Protein backbone atom coordinates (compact mmCIF):
# COMPACT_ATOMS: atom_id res chain seq x y z
CA MET A 1 149.41 189.67 48.43
CA LEU A 2 147.11 191.58 46.10
CA TYR A 3 148.46 189.86 43.10
CA SER A 4 150.34 186.69 42.48
CA HIS A 5 154.15 185.73 41.84
CA THR A 6 153.76 185.20 38.12
CA ALA A 7 151.69 188.50 38.04
CA GLU A 8 154.57 190.19 39.23
CA LEU A 9 156.99 188.53 36.63
CA ALA A 10 154.70 189.23 34.14
CA ILE A 11 154.77 192.79 35.00
CA ARG A 12 158.71 192.47 34.95
CA ALA A 13 158.72 190.96 31.26
CA ALA A 14 156.06 193.27 29.77
CA LEU A 15 158.60 196.05 30.88
CA TYR A 16 161.12 194.55 29.69
CA LEU A 17 159.16 194.32 26.11
CA ALA A 18 158.05 198.12 26.52
CA LEU A 19 161.94 199.36 27.13
CA GLN A 20 162.80 198.05 23.85
CA PRO A 21 162.71 200.03 20.71
CA PRO A 22 159.53 199.87 18.26
CA GLY A 23 159.54 197.00 15.89
CA LYS A 24 162.43 195.45 17.63
CA LEU A 25 161.29 191.41 18.23
CA SER A 26 162.85 189.68 21.43
CA THR A 27 163.31 186.05 21.85
CA VAL A 28 162.26 184.32 25.09
CA GLN A 29 166.17 183.97 25.93
CA ALA A 30 166.68 187.27 25.53
CA ILE A 31 163.90 188.37 27.81
CA ALA A 32 164.98 186.00 30.21
CA ALA A 33 168.47 187.21 30.53
CA GLY A 34 167.28 190.92 30.54
CA THR A 35 164.64 190.14 33.55
CA GLY A 36 166.54 187.13 35.17
CA LEU A 37 162.79 185.00 34.92
CA PRO A 38 163.14 181.18 34.22
CA LYS A 39 162.79 180.70 30.46
CA SER A 40 160.04 177.94 30.90
CA TYR A 41 158.35 179.67 33.16
CA LEU A 42 158.31 182.80 30.98
CA ALA A 43 157.33 180.93 28.13
CA LYS A 44 154.08 180.32 30.15
CA ILE A 45 153.62 183.76 31.24
CA LEU A 46 153.90 185.08 28.01
CA ARG A 47 151.48 182.87 26.29
CA LYS A 48 148.57 184.01 28.61
CA LEU A 49 149.68 187.45 27.62
CA ASP A 50 149.62 186.23 24.08
CA GLU A 51 146.02 185.00 24.79
CA ALA A 52 145.09 188.08 26.16
CA GLY A 53 146.52 190.05 23.13
CA LEU A 54 149.26 192.20 25.55
CA VAL A 55 152.28 190.60 23.44
CA ARG A 56 152.23 189.03 20.27
CA SER A 57 154.78 186.06 19.30
CA PHE A 58 156.16 185.49 15.77
CA ARG A 59 157.81 182.32 15.18
CA GLY A 60 160.23 181.01 12.72
CA PRO A 61 163.69 182.14 11.64
CA GLY A 62 164.12 186.20 12.97
CA GLY A 63 160.76 186.02 15.32
CA GLY A 64 160.22 186.55 18.59
CA ILE A 65 157.66 188.48 21.00
CA GLU A 66 156.82 192.19 20.99
CA LEU A 67 154.50 194.35 22.84
CA GLY A 68 150.28 193.99 21.27
CA ARG A 69 149.60 196.97 21.79
CA ALA A 70 151.17 200.53 22.66
CA PRO A 71 152.68 200.64 26.06
CA GLU A 72 150.14 203.61 26.65
CA GLU A 73 147.46 200.91 26.53
CA ILE A 74 148.73 198.19 28.79
CA SER A 75 147.95 199.04 32.21
CA LEU A 76 149.46 197.13 34.93
CA TRP A 77 145.77 195.79 35.57
CA LYS A 78 145.43 194.47 32.61
CA LEU A 79 148.78 192.51 32.84
CA VAL A 80 147.63 191.47 36.80
CA SER A 81 144.50 190.32 35.31
CA ALA A 82 145.78 188.50 32.34
CA VAL A 83 147.37 185.96 34.57
CA ASP A 84 145.37 185.99 37.44
CA GLY A 85 142.24 186.68 36.76
CA SER A 86 140.21 189.54 37.82
CA GLU A 87 137.89 187.71 40.33
CA ASN A 88 141.01 186.93 42.46
CA PHE A 89 141.84 190.42 43.30
CA GLY A 90 139.60 190.93 45.61
CA GLU A 91 140.13 187.74 47.98
CA CYS A 92 139.94 188.24 51.64
CA VAL A 93 143.00 189.61 52.94
CA LEU A 94 142.89 186.99 55.70
CA GLY A 95 142.09 184.22 53.44
CA ALA A 96 138.59 183.23 54.51
CA LYS A 97 136.47 181.66 51.86
CA VAL A 98 133.58 183.76 52.86
CA CYS A 99 134.11 187.26 53.16
CA SER A 100 131.61 190.17 51.75
CA GLU A 101 129.72 193.05 52.54
CA GLY A 102 127.44 190.52 54.37
CA LYS A 103 129.45 188.47 56.18
CA PRO A 104 133.07 190.46 56.41
CA CYS A 105 135.76 189.32 58.01
CA PRO A 106 137.24 191.10 60.93
CA LEU A 107 139.35 193.34 58.69
CA HIS A 108 137.21 193.95 55.55
CA GLU A 109 136.27 197.36 56.22
CA GLN A 110 139.69 198.44 56.89
CA TRP A 111 141.09 196.26 53.94
CA LYS A 112 138.46 197.42 51.31
CA PRO A 113 139.78 200.88 50.87
CA LEU A 114 143.09 199.79 50.53
CA ARG A 115 142.30 197.15 47.91
CA GLU A 116 140.38 199.77 45.62
CA ASN A 117 143.37 202.27 46.14
CA MET A 118 145.63 199.68 44.90
CA LYS A 119 143.33 198.39 41.88
CA ARG A 120 143.22 201.93 40.97
CA MET A 121 146.62 202.44 40.56
CA LEU A 122 147.42 199.36 39.05
CA ASP A 123 144.52 200.75 36.46
CA GLU A 124 146.39 204.09 36.25
CA THR A 125 149.65 202.89 36.01
CA THR A 126 150.81 201.96 32.64
CA LEU A 127 154.27 200.19 31.20
CA ALA A 128 154.84 203.74 29.32
CA THR A 129 154.54 205.38 32.84
CA MET A 130 156.48 202.94 34.18
CA ALA A 131 159.21 202.87 31.38
CA LYS A 132 159.82 206.93 31.27
CA THR A 133 160.52 205.99 35.20
CA LEU A 134 163.15 203.66 34.85
CA HIS A 135 164.65 205.56 31.97
CA GLY A 136 164.47 208.85 34.09
CA ARG A 137 166.42 206.56 36.59
CA GLY A 138 169.01 205.41 34.18
CA LYS A 139 170.25 208.62 33.03
CA SER A 140 170.96 209.39 36.79
CA HIS A 141 172.62 206.02 37.25
CA GLY A 142 174.08 205.17 34.18
CA LYS A 143 171.72 202.29 33.54
CA SER A 144 168.06 201.00 33.18
CA ALA A 145 166.44 197.95 34.30
CA VAL A 146 163.90 195.86 35.20
CA PRO A 147 163.47 195.76 38.67
CA GLY A 148 164.71 192.15 39.79
CA GLY A 149 166.39 191.45 36.21
CA SER A 150 169.82 192.41 34.69
CA SER A 151 170.70 195.66 33.12
CA LEU A 152 168.46 196.25 30.24
CA SER A 153 170.49 196.59 26.96
CA ARG A 154 168.65 197.62 24.10
CA SER A 155 170.50 194.94 21.73
CA HIS A 156 170.43 191.03 23.02
CA SER A 157 171.50 188.34 21.04
CA GLY A 158 168.75 186.76 19.79
CA GLU A 159 166.79 189.50 19.01
CA GLY A 160 165.58 190.37 15.58
CA GLU A 161 163.58 193.44 13.57
CA LYS A 162 160.17 192.67 13.19
CA ARG A 163 158.85 191.04 10.29
CA HIS A 164 156.15 192.90 8.68
CA ALA A 165 153.02 191.26 7.86
CA SER A 166 150.83 193.12 4.59
């Protein structure tokens, strides 16, 4: 696998946030309900994304979570590397501890271009691109949903309006 299950869940959570109206804060409970992710695990993922500046959290009454940047500025690669680390992406497809240009595994030459293409795709695909695709599908299917999650309503209980800090 090119990236971890945790990275997959981070993408789903960030996509949920990208589909929310600008200025709308979402609680961990609302994100968990909208994505089908376990609340406690989701909170850990969101902390990593917060540390990377990809989401922002606001505490207290009316608090919640929003994207830390515009969806156009958040690539899937940024999400994957925030939770997995960028160095793990280049691991050997066969799991060899030592696999490099100088000491390649049996699949190294075949795997290298696939890995490079995948990284490029992750780097070029943004949350905005994914959100636009889901909105298009929602119009033709009558709903918009995060893969693996429940239908995305734009108004979940437990969400508040963004508090603007001056």
